[in-house]
Amino acid sequence: MHELSIAQSIVETVEARANEYQATKVKSVHLRIGEANCIVTDSLTFCFEMLTSLEPLLSGAQLLIDTVPHRAKCDRCDSEFPVQNFIAQCPTCDEWSHHIVSGTELQILEMEIDTGICVAT
């Protein structure tokens, strides 16, 4: 289950950034995950919730996940197509492609934090 180590890395990264901004609470973490990473989002969410429950700064933080489809682009006919079962063969011309367009992402897009500072308007 590689989701646990991924969740641990996310928690460590978010905690470090939150401390840089002197956050008092992390409310949410927004991720972009490509299908080619084979990450089970329910498992990742479970691991994230388990790990954040042990950290007061992150306890109760919501994990938001955008899934990016695994896609490739054909060098011969220039069409873009979905990669299925890790087979990047163009359905239009049957050419094998090595040009992956999306689906390998694993990014922390943003996090919502509370700094405890009240700003009057």
PDB file of N, CA and C in Angstrom:
ATOM      1  N   MET A   1       0.845  -1.179   0.000  1.00  0.00           N
ATOM      2  CA  MET A   1       0.000   0.000   0.000  1.00  0.00           C
ATOM      3  C   MET A   1       0.893   1.245   0.000  1.00  0.00           C
ATOM      4  N   HIS A   2       1.169   1.768  -1.192  1.00  0.00           N
ATOM      5  CA  HIS A   2       2.022   2.946  -1.282  1.00  0.00           C
ATOM      6  C   HIS A   2       1.286   4.230  -0.923  1.00  0.00           C
ATOM      7  N   GLU A   3      -0.013   4.161  -0.755  1.00  0.00           N
ATOM      8  CA  GLU A   3      -0.789   5.341  -0.375  1.00  0.00           C
ATOM      9  C   GLU A   3      -0.363   5.892   0.983  1.00  0.00           C
ATOM     10  N   LEU A   4       0.045   5.015   1.896  1.00  0.00           N
ATOM     11  CA  LEU A   4       0.473   5.475   3.213  1.00  0.00           C
ATOM     12  C   LEU A   4       1.731   6.338   3.110  1.00  0.00           C
ATOM     13  N   SER A   5       2.705   5.908   2.331  1.00  0.00           N
ATOM     14  CA  SER A   5       3.931   6.712   2.198  1.00  0.00           C
ATOM     15  C   SER A   5       3.666   8.005   1.439  1.00  0.00           C
ATOM     16  N   ILE A   6       2.759   7.982   0.489  1.00  0.00           N
ATOM     17  CA  ILE A   6       2.391   9.199  -0.229  1.00  0.00           C
ATOM     18  C   ILE A   6       1.684  10.164   0.723  1.00  0.00           C
ATOM     19  N   ALA A   7       0.757   9.643   1.515  1.00  0.00           N
ATOM     20  CA  ALA A   7       0.051  10.475   2.493  1.00  0.00           C
ATOM     21  C   ALA A   7       1.036  11.085   3.490  1.00  0.00           C
ATOM     22  N   GLN A   8       2.015  10.294   3.917  1.00  0.00           N
ATOM     23  CA  GLN A   8       3.026  10.796   4.859  1.00  0.00           C
ATOM     24  C   GLN A   8       3.809  11.946   4.233  1.00  0.00           C
ATOM     25  N   SER A   9       4.194  11.815   2.990  1.00  0.00           N
ATOM     26  CA  SER A   9       4.916  12.888   2.296  1.00  0.00           C
ATOM     27  C   SER A   9       4.059  14.145   2.167  1.00  0.00           C
ATOM     28  N   ILE A  10       2.786  13.962   1.868  1.00  0.00           N
ATOM     29  CA  ILE A  10       1.871  15.102   1.743  1.00  0.00           C
ATOM     30  C   ILE A  10       1.753  15.806   3.091  1.00  0.00           C
ATOM     31  N   VAL A  11       1.553  15.043   4.148  1.00  0.00           N
ATOM     32  CA  VAL A  11       1.411  15.620   5.491  1.00  0.00           C
ATOM     33  C   VAL A  11       2.677  16.386   5.873  1.00  0.00           C
ATOM     34  N   GLU A  12       3.827  15.806   5.626  1.00  0.00           N
ATOM     35  CA  GLU A  12       5.081  16.478   5.970  1.00  0.00           C
ATOM     36  C   GLU A  12       5.266  17.771   5.184  1.00  0.00           C
ATOM     37  N   THR A  13       4.953  17.738   3.904  1.00  0.00           N
ATOM     38  CA  THR A  13       5.087  18.929   3.053  1.00  0.00           C
ATOM     39  C   THR A  13       4.120  20.025   3.472  1.00  0.00           C
ATOM     40  N   VAL A  14       2.870  19.641   3.686  1.00  0.00           N
ATOM     41  CA  VAL A  14       1.844  20.616   4.086  1.00  0.00           C
ATOM     42  C   VAL A  14       2.174  21.207   5.451  1.00  0.00           C
ATOM     43  N   GLU A  15       2.603  20.377   6.373  1.00  0.00           N
ATOM     44  CA  GLU A  15       2.942  20.864   7.708  1.00  0.00           C
ATOM     45  C   GLU A  15       4.103  21.869   7.650  1.00  0.00           C
ATOM     46  N   ALA A  16       5.111  21.564   6.849  1.00  0.00           N
ATOM     47  CA  ALA A  16       6.253  22.477   6.718  1.00  0.00           C
ATOM     48  C   ALA A  16       5.825  23.824   6.131  1.00  0.00           C
ATOM     49  N   ARG A  17       5.003  23.774   5.072  1.00  0.00           N
ATOM     50  CA  ARG A  17       4.528  25.029   4.459  1.00  0.00           C
ATOM     51  C   ARG A  17       3.610  25.800   5.399  1.00  0.00           C
ATOM     52  N   ALA A  18       2.751  25.098   6.118  1.00  0.00           N
ATOM     53  CA  ALA A  18       1.849  25.759   7.065  1.00  0.00           C
ATOM     54  C   ALA A  18       2.646  26.455   8.156  1.00  0.00           C
ATOM     55  N   ASN A  19       3.699  25.817   8.626  1.00  0.00           N
ATOM     56  CA  ASN A  19       4.557  26.440   9.644  1.00  0.00           C
ATOM     57  C   ASN A  19       5.270  27.674   9.101  1.00  0.00           C
ATOM     58  N   GLU A  20       5.662  27.648   7.833  1.00  0.00           N
ATOM     59  CA  GLU A  20       6.293  28.819   7.211  1.00  0.00           C
ATOM     60  C   GLU A  20       5.361  30.031   7.249  1.00  0.00           C
ATOM     61  N   TYR A  21       4.066  29.782   7.079  1.00  0.00           N
ATOM     62  CA  TYR A  21       3.074  30.864   7.074  1.00  0.00           C
ATOM     63  C   TYR A  21       2.448  31.088   8.446  1.00  0.00           C
ATOM     64  N   GLN A  22       3.004  30.449   9.464  1.00  0.00           N
ATOM     65  CA  GLN A  22       2.538  30.576  10.837  1.00  0.00           C
ATOM     66  C   GLN A  22       1.046  30.268  10.969  1.00  0.00           C
ATOM     67  N   ALA A  23       0.640  29.217  10.297  1.00  0.00           N
ATOM     68  CA  ALA A  23      -0.762  28.795  10.342  1.00  0.00           C
ATOM     69  C   ALA A  23      -1.090  28.217  11.707  1.00  0.00           C
ATOM     70  N   THR A  24      -2.326  28.448  12.120  1.00  0.00           N
ATOM     71  CA  THR A  24      -2.803  27.846  13.354  1.00  0.00           C
ATOM     72  C   THR A  24      -3.621  26.588  13.058  1.00  0.00           C
ATOM     73  N   LYS A  25      -4.065  26.454  11.802  1.00  0.00           N
ATOM     74  CA  LYS A  25      -4.892  25.309  11.404  1.00  0.00           C
ATOM     75  C   LYS A  25      -4.844  25.142   9.887  1.00  0.00           C
ATOM     76  N   VAL A  26      -4.731  23.909   9.433  1.00  0.00           N
ATOM     77  CA  VAL A  26      -4.876  23.595   8.013  1.00  0.00           C
ATOM     78  C   VAL A  26      -6.297  23.091   7.823  1.00  0.00           C
ATOM     79  N   LYS A  27      -7.042  23.783   6.966  1.00  0.00           N
ATOM     80  CA  LYS A  27      -8.443  23.420   6.751  1.00  0.00           C
ATOM     81  C   LYS A  27      -8.623  22.407   5.632  1.00  0.00           C
ATOM     82  N   SER A  28      -7.844  22.564   4.543  1.00  0.00           N
ATOM     83  CA  SER A  28      -7.975  21.634   3.421  1.00  0.00           C
ATOM     84  C   SER A  28      -6.691  21.590   2.609  1.00  0.00           C
ATOM     85  N   VAL A  29      -6.539  20.480   1.918  1.00  0.00           N
ATOM     86  CA  VAL A  29      -5.409  20.270   1.020  1.00  0.00           C
ATOM     87  C   VAL A  29      -5.990  19.773  -0.298  1.00  0.00           C
ATOM     88  N   HIS A  30      -5.606  20.429  -1.397  1.00  0.00           N
ATOM     89  CA  HIS A  30      -6.144  20.115  -2.716  1.00  0.00           C
ATOM     90  C   HIS A  30      -5.035  19.488  -3.564  1.00  0.00           C
ATOM     91  N   LEU A  31      -5.282  18.283  -4.065  1.00  0.00           N
ATOM     92  CA  LEU A  31      -4.299  17.548  -4.856  1.00  0.00           C
ATOM     93  C   LEU A  31      -4.758  17.350  -6.287  1.00  0.00           C
ATOM     94  N   ARG A  32      -3.781  17.148  -7.180  1.00  0.00           N
ATOM     95  CA  ARG A  32      -4.032  16.708  -8.564  1.00  0.00           C
ATOM     96  C   ARG A  32      -3.267  15.401  -8.714  1.00  0.00           C
ATOM     97  N   ILE A  33      -4.001  14.322  -9.028  1.00  0.00           N
ATOM     98  CA  ILE A  33      -3.380  13.000  -9.140  1.00  0.00           C
ATOM     99  C   ILE A  33      -3.741  12.383 -10.486  1.00  0.00           C
ATOM    100  N   GLY A  34      -2.731  11.976 -11.229  1.00  0.00           N
ATOM    101  CA  GLY A  34      -2.932  11.322 -12.514  1.00  0.00           C
ATOM    102  C   GLY A  34      -3.269   9.853 -12.352  1.00  0.00           C
ATOM    103  N   GLU A  35      -4.095   9.365 -13.255  1.00  0.00           N
ATOM    104  CA  GLU A  35      -4.531   7.957 -13.213  1.00  0.00           C
ATOM    105  C   GLU A  35      -3.367   6.983 -13.310  1.00  0.00           C
ATOM    106  N   ALA A  36      -2.304   7.362 -14.003  1.00  0.00           N
ATOM    107  CA  ALA A  36      -1.171   6.456 -14.214  1.00  0.00           C
ATOM    108  C   ALA A  36      -0.408   6.166 -12.927  1.00  0.00           C
ATOM    109  N   ASN A  37      -0.641   6.943 -11.890  1.00  0.00           N
ATOM    110  CA  ASN A  37       0.026   6.705 -10.612  1.00  0.00           C
ATOM    111  C   ASN A  37      -0.557   5.520  -9.850  1.00  0.00           C
ATOM    112  N   CYS A  38      -1.715   5.044 -10.287  1.00  0.00           N
ATOM    113  CA  CYS A  38      -2.384   3.889  -9.658  1.00  0.00           C
ATOM    114  C   CYS A  38      -2.603   4.100  -8.166  1.00  0.00           C
ATOM    115  N   ILE A  39      -2.991   5.304  -7.796  1.00  0.00           N
ATOM    116  CA  ILE A  39      -3.269   5.615  -6.400  1.00  0.00           C
ATOM    117  C   ILE A  39      -4.764   5.413  -6.151  1.00  0.00           C
ATOM    118  N   VAL A  40      -5.072   4.631  -5.166  1.00  0.00           N
ATOM    119  CA  VAL A  40      -6.466   4.415  -4.781  1.00  0.00           C
ATOM    120  C   VAL A  40      -6.843   5.590  -3.881  1.00  0.00           C
ATOM    121  N   THR A  41      -7.687   6.474  -4.399  1.00  0.00           N
ATOM    122  CA  THR A  41      -7.973   7.726  -3.680  1.00  0.00           C
ATOM    123  C   THR A  41      -8.649   7.486  -2.333  1.00  0.00           C
ATOM    124  N   ASP A  42      -9.476   6.462  -2.222  1.00  0.00           N
ATOM    125  CA  ASP A  42     -10.102   6.165  -0.932  1.00  0.00           C
ATOM    126  C   ASP A  42      -9.046   5.757   0.095  1.00  0.00           C
ATOM    127  N   SER A  43      -8.066   4.978  -0.327  1.00  0.00           N
ATOM    128  CA  SER A  43      -6.983   4.569   0.574  1.00  0.00           C
ATOM    129  C   SER A  43      -6.121   5.757   0.958  1.00  0.00           C
ATOM    130  N   LEU A  44      -5.836   6.619  -0.020  1.00  0.00           N
ATOM    131  CA  LEU A  44      -5.040   7.816   0.260  1.00  0.00           C
ATOM    132  C   LEU A  44      -5.765   8.716   1.252  1.00  0.00           C
ATOM    133  N   THR A  45      -7.058   8.896   1.053  1.00  0.00           N
ATOM    134  CA  THR A  45      -7.860   9.723   1.963  1.00  0.00           C
ATOM    135  C   THR A  45      -7.859   9.122   3.367  1.00  0.00           C
ATOM    136  N   PHE A  46      -8.032   7.813   3.466  1.00  0.00           N
ATOM    137  CA  PHE A  46      -8.009   7.142   4.770  1.00  0.00           C
ATOM    138  C   PHE A  46      -6.663   7.359   5.465  1.00  0.00           C
ATOM    139  N   CYS A  47      -5.572   7.151   4.734  1.00  0.00           N
ATOM    140  CA  CYS A  47      -4.231   7.328   5.313  1.00  0.00           C
ATOM    141  C   CYS A  47      -3.998   8.780   5.712  1.00  0.00           C
ATOM    142  N   PHE A  48      -4.428   9.706   4.878  1.00  0.00           N
ATOM    143  CA  PHE A  48      -4.284  11.127   5.183  1.00  0.00           C
ATOM    144  C   PHE A  48      -5.034  11.475   6.468  1.00  0.00           C
ATOM    145  N   GLU A  49      -6.275  11.016   6.580  1.00  0.00           N
ATOM    146  CA  GLU A  49      -7.076  11.299   7.772  1.00  0.00           C
ATOM    147  C   GLU A  49      -6.459  10.683   9.023  1.00  0.00           C
ATOM    148  N   MET A  50      -5.922   9.475   8.887  1.00  0.00           N
ATOM    149  CA  MET A  50      -5.286   8.811  10.022  1.00  0.00           C
ATOM    150  C   MET A  50      -4.061   9.617  10.478  1.00  0.00           C
ATOM    151  N   LEU A  51      -3.210  10.014   9.527  1.00  0.00           N
ATOM    152  CA  LEU A  51      -1.988  10.747   9.872  1.00  0.00           C
ATOM    153  C   LEU A  51      -2.280  12.147  10.401  1.00  0.00           C
ATOM    154  N   THR A  52      -3.238  12.829   9.804  1.00  0.00           N
ATOM    155  CA  THR A  52      -3.546  14.192  10.260  1.00  0.00           C
ATOM    156  C   THR A  52      -4.219  14.196  11.623  1.00  0.00           C
ATOM    157  N   SER A  53      -4.876  13.107  11.986  1.00  0.00           N
ATOM    158  CA  SER A  53      -5.516  13.057  13.308  1.00  0.00           C
ATOM    159  C   SER A  53      -4.467  13.090  14.421  1.00  0.00           C
ATOM    160  N   LEU A  54      -3.230  12.762  14.089  1.00  0.00           N
ATOM    161  CA  LEU A  54      -2.142  12.760  15.068  1.00  0.00           C
ATOM    162  C   LEU A  54      -1.425  14.105  15.160  1.00  0.00           C
ATOM    163  N   GLU A  55      -1.761  15.023  14.258  1.00  0.00           N
ATOM    164  CA  GLU A  55      -1.097  16.326  14.203  1.00  0.00           C
ATOM    165  C   GLU A  55      -2.127  17.424  14.474  1.00  0.00           C
ATOM    166  N   PRO A  56      -2.032  18.136  15.599  1.00  0.00           N
ATOM    167  CA  PRO A  56      -3.021  19.174  15.923  1.00  0.00           C
ATOM    168  C   PRO A  56      -3.198  20.225  14.822  1.00  0.00           C
ATOM    169  N   LEU A  57      -2.137  20.596  14.153  1.00  0.00           N
ATOM    170  CA  LEU A  57      -2.197  21.603  13.097  1.00  0.00           C
ATOM    171  C   LEU A  57      -3.041  21.135  11.910  1.00  0.00           C
ATOM    172  N   LEU A  58      -3.021  19.845  11.632  1.00  0.00           N
ATOM    173  CA  LEU A  58      -3.711  19.297  10.463  1.00  0.00           C
ATOM    174  C   LEU A  58      -4.978  18.516  10.798  1.00  0.00           C
ATOM    175  N   SER A  59      -5.246  18.301  12.063  1.00  0.00           N
ATOM    176  CA  SER A  59      -6.391  17.501  12.465  1.00  0.00           C
ATOM    177  C   SER A  59      -7.687  18.068  11.882  1.00  0.00           C
ATOM    178  N   GLY A  60      -8.438  17.208  11.204  1.00  0.00           N
ATOM    179  CA  GLY A  60      -9.708  17.612  10.604  1.00  0.00           C
ATOM    180  C   GLY A  60      -9.576  18.217   9.219  1.00  0.00           C
ATOM    181  N   ALA A  61      -8.354  18.311   8.684  1.00  0.00           N
ATOM    182  CA  ALA A  61      -8.168  18.877   7.346  1.00  0.00           C
ATOM    183  C   ALA A  61      -8.841  17.992   6.307  1.00  0.00           C
ATOM    184  N   GLN A  62      -9.483  18.632   5.355  1.00  0.00           N
ATOM    185  CA  GLN A  62     -10.177  17.917   4.294  1.00  0.00           C
ATOM    186  C   GLN A  62      -9.218  17.712   3.120  1.00  0.00           C
ATOM    187  N   LEU A  63      -9.230  16.527   2.524  1.00  0.00           N
ATOM    188  CA  LEU A  63      -8.407  16.222   1.364  1.00  0.00           C
ATOM    189  C   LEU A  63      -9.287  16.273   0.125  1.00  0.00           C
ATOM    190  N   LEU A  64      -8.951  17.161  -0.801  1.00  0.00           N
ATOM    191  CA  LEU A  64      -9.683  17.317  -2.058  1.00  0.00           C
ATOM    192  C   LEU A  64      -8.799  16.793  -3.181  1.00  0.00           C
ATOM    193  N   ILE A  65      -9.346  15.924  -4.025  1.00  0.00           N
ATOM    194  CA  ILE A  65      -8.538  15.285  -5.066  1.00  0.00           C
ATOM    195  C   ILE A  65      -9.182  15.462  -6.438  1.00  0.00           C
ATOM    196  N   ASP A  66      -8.391  16.004  -7.369  1.00  0.00           N
ATOM    197  CA  ASP A  66      -8.775  16.050  -8.777  1.00  0.00           C
ATOM    198  C   ASP A  66      -8.010  14.936  -9.484  1.00  0.00           C
ATOM    199  N   THR A  67      -8.727  14.084 -10.203  1.00  0.00           N
ATOM    200  CA  THR A  67      -8.094  12.997 -10.930  1.00  0.00           C
ATOM    201  C   THR A  67      -7.915  13.410 -12.386  1.00  0.00           C
ATOM    202  N   VAL A  68      -6.698  13.197 -12.907  1.00  0.00           N
ATOM    203  CA  VAL A  68      -6.370  13.570 -14.281  1.00  0.00           C
ATOM    204  C   VAL A  68      -6.292  12.291 -15.122  1.00  0.00           C
ATOM    205  N   PRO A  69      -7.001  12.255 -16.247  1.00  0.00           N
ATOM    206  CA  PRO A  69      -6.986  11.044 -17.074  1.00  0.00           C
ATOM    207  C   PRO A  69      -5.616  10.807 -17.717  1.00  0.00           C
ATOM    208  N   HIS A  70      -5.311   9.537 -17.921  1.00  0.00           N
ATOM    209  CA  HIS A  70      -4.062   9.126 -18.571  1.00  0.00           C
ATOM    210  C   HIS A  70      -4.272   9.228 -20.083  1.00  0.00           C
ATOM    211  N   ARG A  71      -3.526  10.167 -20.717  1.00  0.00           N
ATOM    212  CA  ARG A  71      -3.703  10.414 -22.148  1.00  0.00           C
ATOM    213  C   ARG A  71      -2.352  10.514 -22.838  1.00  0.00           C
ATOM    214  N   ALA A  72      -2.343  10.184 -24.120  1.00  0.00           N
ATOM    215  CA  ALA A  72      -1.133  10.267 -24.930  1.00  0.00           C
ATOM    216  C   ALA A  72      -1.457  10.978 -26.245  1.00  0.00           C
ATOM    217  N   LYS A  73      -0.402  11.358 -26.954  1.00  0.00           N
ATOM    218  CA  LYS A  73      -0.565  12.015 -28.255  1.00  0.00           C
ATOM    219  C   LYS A  73       0.256  11.247 -29.280  1.00  0.00           C
ATOM    220  N   CYS A  74      -0.358  10.993 -30.399  1.00  0.00           N
ATOM    221  CA  CYS A  74       0.295  10.236 -31.460  1.00  0.00           C
ATOM    222  C   CYS A  74       1.234  11.140 -32.247  1.00  0.00           C
ATOM    223  N   ASP A  75       2.458  10.679 -32.433  1.00  0.00           N
ATOM    224  CA  ASP A  75       3.434  11.444 -33.209  1.00  0.00           C
ATOM    225  C   ASP A  75       3.146  11.383 -34.711  1.00  0.00           C
ATOM    226  N   ARG A  76       2.508  10.314 -35.138  1.00  0.00           N
ATOM    227  CA  ARG A  76       2.247  10.144 -36.574  1.00  0.00           C
ATOM    228  C   ARG A  76       1.030  10.962 -37.033  1.00  0.00           C
ATOM    229  N   CYS A  77      -0.116  10.771 -36.393  1.00  0.00           N
ATOM    230  CA  CYS A  77      -1.341  11.424 -36.879  1.00  0.00           C
ATOM    231  C   CYS A  77      -1.784  12.605 -36.015  1.00  0.00           C
ATOM    232  N   ASP A  78      -1.039  12.879 -34.936  1.00  0.00           N
ATOM    233  CA  ASP A  78      -1.264  14.045 -34.084  1.00  0.00           C
ATOM    234  C   ASP A  78      -2.565  13.989 -33.271  1.00  0.00           C
ATOM    235  N   SER A  79      -3.186  12.818 -33.175  1.00  0.00           N
ATOM    236  CA  SER A  79      -4.411  12.727 -32.373  1.00  0.00           C
ATOM    237  C   SER A  79      -4.060  12.446 -30.922  1.00  0.00           C
ATOM    238  N   GLU A  80      -4.921  12.912 -30.040  1.00  0.00           N
ATOM    239  CA  GLU A  80      -4.771  12.663 -28.607  1.00  0.00           C
ATOM    240  C   GLU A  80      -5.778  11.592 -28.227  1.00  0.00           C
ATOM    241  N   PHE A  81      -5.350  10.659 -27.363  1.00  0.00           N
ATOM    242  CA  PHE A  81      -6.212   9.529 -27.049  1.00  0.00           C
ATOM    243  C   PHE A  81      -5.989   9.044 -25.624  1.00  0.00           C
ATOM    244  N   PRO A  82      -6.987   8.368 -25.047  1.00  0.00           N
ATOM    245  CA  PRO A  82      -6.827   7.824 -23.689  1.00  0.00           C
ATOM    246  C   PRO A  82      -5.909   6.605 -23.698  1.00  0.00           C
ATOM    247  N   VAL A  83      -5.062   6.519 -22.695  1.00  0.00           N
ATOM    248  CA  VAL A  83      -4.206   5.346 -22.509  1.00  0.00           C
ATOM    249  C   VAL A  83      -4.976   4.384 -21.611  1.00  0.00           C
ATOM    250  N   GLN A  84      -5.156   3.174 -22.091  1.00  0.00           N
ATOM    251  CA  GLN A  84      -5.897   2.188 -21.313  1.00  0.00           C
ATOM    252  C   GLN A  84      -4.995   1.005 -20.999  1.00  0.00           C
ATOM    253  N   ASN A  85      -4.969   0.640 -19.709  1.00  0.00           N
ATOM    254  CA  ASN A  85      -4.126  -0.460 -19.239  1.00  0.00           C
ATOM    255  C   ASN A  85      -2.655  -0.234 -19.584  1.00  0.00           C
ATOM    256  N   PHE A  86      -2.239   1.028 -19.557  1.00  0.00           N
ATOM    257  CA  PHE A  86      -0.860   1.436 -19.822  1.00  0.00           C
ATOM    258  C   PHE A  86      -0.406   1.104 -21.240  1.00  0.00           C
ATOM    259  N   ILE A  87      -1.345   0.945 -22.147  1.00  0.00           N
ATOM    260  CA  ILE A  87      -1.027   0.687 -23.550  1.00  0.00           C
ATOM    261  C   ILE A  87      -1.291   1.973 -24.327  1.00  0.00           C
ATOM    262  N   ALA A  88      -0.206   2.588 -24.793  1.00  0.00           N
ATOM    263  CA  ALA A  88      -0.312   3.868 -25.509  1.00  0.00           C
ATOM    264  C   ALA A  88      -0.211   3.622 -27.010  1.00  0.00           C
ATOM    265  N   GLN A  89      -1.256   3.014 -27.538  1.00  0.00           N
ATOM    266  CA  GLN A  89      -1.311   2.762 -28.971  1.00  0.00           C
ATOM    267  C   GLN A  89      -2.466   3.561 -29.555  1.00  0.00           C
ATOM    268  N   CYS A  90      -2.162   4.359 -30.548  1.00  0.00           N
ATOM    269  CA  CYS A  90      -3.154   5.251 -31.157  1.00  0.00           C
ATOM    270  C   CYS A  90      -4.298   4.434 -31.760  1.00  0.00           C
ATOM    271  N   PRO A  91      -5.539   4.738 -31.390  1.00  0.00           N
ATOM    272  CA  PRO A  91      -6.672   4.013 -31.954  1.00  0.00           C
ATOM    273  C   PRO A  91      -6.963   4.428 -33.403  1.00  0.00           C
ATOM    274  N   THR A  92      -6.395   5.541 -33.844  1.00  0.00           N
ATOM    275  CA  THR A  92      -6.634   6.025 -35.207  1.00  0.00           C
ATOM    276  C   THR A  92      -5.711   5.358 -36.223  1.00  0.00           C
ATOM    277  N   CYS A  93      -4.397   5.328 -35.910  1.00  0.00           N
ATOM    278  CA  CYS A  93      -3.436   4.808 -36.892  1.00  0.00           C
ATOM    279  C   CYS A  93      -2.619   3.613 -36.381  1.00  0.00           C
ATOM    280  N   ASP A  94      -2.884   3.163 -35.157  1.00  0.00           N
ATOM    281  CA  ASP A  94      -2.207   2.018 -34.530  1.00  0.00           C
ATOM    282  C   ASP A  94      -0.735   2.248 -34.217  1.00  0.00           C
ATOM    283  N   GLU A  95      -0.260   3.469 -34.298  1.00  0.00           N
ATOM    284  CA  GLU A  95       1.130   3.796 -33.957  1.00  0.00           C
ATOM    285  C   GLU A  95       1.301   3.763 -32.439  1.00  0.00           C
ATOM    286  N   TRP A  96       2.427   3.217 -31.985  1.00  0.00           N
ATOM    287  CA  TRP A  96       2.747   3.232 -30.556  1.00  0.00           C
ATOM    288  C   TRP A  96       3.296   4.596 -30.209  1.00  0.00           C
ATOM    289  N   SER A  97       2.800   5.166 -29.142  1.00  0.00           N
ATOM    290  CA  SER A  97       3.215   6.507 -28.753  1.00  0.00           C
ATOM    291  C   SER A  97       4.049   6.482 -27.487  1.00  0.00           C
ATOM    292  N   HIS A  98       5.015   7.355 -27.416  1.00  0.00           N
ATOM    293  CA  HIS A  98       5.793   7.522 -26.191  1.00  0.00           C
ATOM    294  C   HIS A  98       5.573   8.919 -25.620  1.00  0.00           C
ATOM    295  N   HIS A  99       4.660   9.661 -26.240  1.00  0.00           N
ATOM    296  CA  HIS A  99       4.389  11.039 -25.824  1.00  0.00           C
ATOM    297  C   HIS A  99       3.154  11.062 -24.900  1.00  0.00           C
ATOM    298  N   ILE A 100       3.391  10.991 -23.598  1.00  0.00           N
ATOM    299  CA  ILE A 100       2.302  11.020 -22.620  1.00  0.00           C
ATOM    300  C   ILE A 100       1.931  12.482 -22.349  1.00  0.00           C
ATOM    301  N   VAL A 101       0.663  12.811 -22.488  1.00  0.00           N
ATOM    302  CA  VAL A 101       0.178  14.181 -22.330  1.00  0.00           C
ATOM    303  C   VAL A 101      -0.243  14.462 -20.888  1.00  0.00           C
ATOM    304  N   SER A 102      -0.888  13.500 -20.263  1.00  0.00           N
ATOM    305  CA  SER A 102      -1.367  13.705 -18.890  1.00  0.00           C
ATOM    306  C   SER A 102      -1.567  12.358 -18.208  1.00  0.00           C
ATOM    307  N   GLY A 103      -1.737  12.443 -16.901  1.00  0.00           N
ATOM    308  CA  GLY A 103      -2.038  11.253 -16.125  1.00  0.00           C
ATOM    309  C   GLY A 103      -0.927  10.813 -15.201  1.00  0.00           C
ATOM    310  N   THR A 104       0.218  11.500 -15.246  1.00  0.00           N
ATOM    311  CA  THR A 104       1.332  11.135 -14.367  1.00  0.00           C
ATOM    312  C   THR A 104       1.521  12.144 -13.233  1.00  0.00           C
ATOM    313  N   GLU A 105       0.628  13.102 -13.134  1.00  0.00           N
ATOM    314  CA  GLU A 105       0.745  14.158 -12.131  1.00  0.00           C
ATOM    315  C   GLU A 105       0.546  13.637 -10.713  1.00  0.00           C
ATOM    316  N   LEU A 106       1.252  14.258  -9.811  1.00  0.00           N
ATOM    317  CA  LEU A 106       1.031  14.070  -8.374  1.00  0.00           C
ATOM    318  C   LEU A 106       1.472  15.380  -7.732  1.00  0.00           C
ATOM    319  N   GLN A 107       0.512  16.293  -7.573  1.00  0.00           N
ATOM    320  CA  GLN A 107       0.828  17.649  -7.138  1.00  0.00           C
ATOM    321  C   GLN A 107      -0.078  18.104  -6.000  1.00  0.00           C
ATOM    322  N   ILE A 108       0.512  18.860  -5.105  1.00  0.00           N
ATOM    323  CA  ILE A 108      -0.287  19.587  -4.126  1.00  0.00           C
ATOM    324  C   ILE A 108      -0.586  20.929  -4.782  1.00  0.00           C
ATOM    325  N   LEU A 109      -1.848  21.177  -5.096  1.00  0.00           N
ATOM    326  CA  LEU A 109      -2.226  22.406  -5.779  1.00  0.00           C
ATOM    327  C   LEU A 109      -2.303  23.587  -4.830  1.00  0.00           C
ATOM    328  N   GLU A 110      -2.958  23.359  -3.707  1.00  0.00           N
ATOM    329  CA  GLU A 110      -3.130  24.442  -2.743  1.00  0.00           C
ATOM    330  C   GLU A 110      -3.561  23.873  -1.405  1.00  0.00           C
ATOM    331  N   MET A 111      -3.467  24.718  -0.405  1.00  0.00           N
ATOM    332  CA  MET A 111      -3.989  24.354   0.909  1.00  0.00           C
ATOM    333  C   MET A 111      -4.649  25.584   1.506  1.00  0.00           C
ATOM    334  N   GLU A 112      -5.701  25.337   2.222  1.00  0.00           N
ATOM    335  CA  GLU A 112      -6.390  26.436   2.920  1.00  0.00           C
ATOM    336  C   GLU A 112      -5.974  26.392   4.379  1.00  0.00           C
ATOM    337  N   ILE A 113      -5.504  27.528   4.854  1.00  0.00           N
ATOM    338  CA  ILE A 113      -5.018  27.598   6.240  1.00  0.00           C
ATOM    339  C   ILE A 113      -5.713  28.712   6.982  1.00  0.00           C
ATOM    340  N   ASP A 114      -5.652  28.616   8.297  1.00  0.00           N
ATOM    341  CA  ASP A 114      -6.120  29.674   9.178  1.00  0.00           C
ATOM    342  C   ASP A 114      -4.874  30.179   9.916  1.00  0.00           C
ATOM    343  N   THR A 115      -4.690  31.485   9.889  1.00  0.00           N
ATOM    344  CA  THR A 115      -3.518  32.052  10.561  1.00  0.00           C
ATOM    345  C   THR A 115      -3.875  32.621  11.921  1.00  0.00           C
ATOM    346  N   GLY A 116      -5.154  32.679  12.237  1.00  0.00           N
ATOM    347  CA  GLY A 116      -5.571  33.220  13.518  1.00  0.00           C
ATOM    348  C   GLY A 116      -5.560  34.739  13.555  1.00  0.00           C
ATOM    349  N   ILE A 117      -5.210  35.352  12.439  1.00  0.00           N
ATOM    350  CA  ILE A 117      -5.182  36.816  12.368  1.00  0.00           C
ATOM    351  C   ILE A 117      -6.524  37.301  11.838  1.00  0.00           C
ATOM    352  N   CYS A 118      -7.139  38.180  12.573  1.00  0.00           N
ATOM    353  CA  CYS A 118      -8.419  38.740  12.162  1.00  0.00           C
ATOM    354  C   CYS A 118      -8.173  40.094  11.507  1.00  0.00           C
ATOM    355  N   VAL A 119      -8.676  40.259  10.318  1.00  0.00           N
ATOM    356  CA  VAL A 119      -8.486  41.509   9.581  1.00  0.00           C
ATOM    357  C   VAL A 119      -9.828  42.223   9.535  1.00  0.00           C
ATOM    358  N   ALA A 120      -9.842  43.446  10.062  1.00  0.00           N
ATOM    359  CA  ALA A 120     -11.076  44.245  10.040  1.00  0.00           C
ATOM    360  C   ALA A 120     -11.230  44.907   8.690  1.00  0.00           C
ATOM    361  N   THR A 121     -12.467  44.965   8.233  1.00  0.00           N
ATOM    362  CA  THR A 121     -12.718  45.609   6.926  1.00  0.00           C
ATOM    363  C   THR A 121     -13.514  46.880   7.097  1.00  0.00           C
TER     364      THR A 121
END
